[in-house]
Amino acid sequence: MPELAVHFGETPPDPRPNRADAVRDDWVGRFKTHLEAECNDSTHTVSAYIQDIGQFAEHLWPAAKFPEPRFDWRGVTRDDARAFLADYHKHGAEPASTRRKLASLRTFFKFLIETDYIQKSPFATLRGPKMGRHLPLVLSVQEVERLLAAPMEALRKKQHPSAEDTYTALRDAAVFESL
C-alpha cells in the first residue's frame, strides 16, 4: 500500500504582530480572569484568546504609536473587525485559524456587552471564511482487487478449512462485493 503524505500548505503563514502587553489592559485582564475563574477554561484556551486579542489590538493600536496598553474597545467598528480578519487571512492563515480568531474576539466582545461596557459587538454579524472541502481518499484498482480477493485468499491458506470457515469467507466476499 502506498504511503500517504499530508500537506498543509507550501509555507507557514507569516507570524502576526502581537501586543504581548494586551493583558495589562483593564478589560483584557478582567476577561482573562473571567475565562480562568468563571468559565474554567484551560490555560491553552486562555492563552490563545489573549494572543488573539493582542493581535487584534496590535492591528488597531500598534505598540510603536500607542506604547501604553489602554485600548478604546468602545470605538472598535465592524470595519475594523473585518479589516483585521481579512488581513489575517490574506497573510496565509488557514480558514480554521481565521475562524478561531473570530470566535475568540466574539467571545471577548460578548463579555464586554455582558459587563455593560459596550452595547454592540463589531464581530457579531461577521462570518468567517468558508472551510475547504476535501475529496475523500479512494483505493486504487489494485487495492480494491486485493480487498475483494482477501476472504478467499485467507480460506485458501487454511490447511483444513471447516464448513464454517468456508461460509465466513463466502459471506465476507459477498459483503465486499456489495460495497
Foldseek 3Di string as FASTA:
>chain_A
DDDDDDDPDDDAFDDADFQPCLCVAPLNVVVLCCCCPVVVDDPVVSVVLNRLVRRLCCQVPNCVRVVDNHDDQQPDALVSVVVSLVVRVVRPDAQVVSVVSLVSQVVSVVVCCVVVNYPDRSSVPDDTDDHDDDDDDDDDPVVLVCQLCVLVVVVVPDPDDDPVSVVVSVVSNVVSVVD
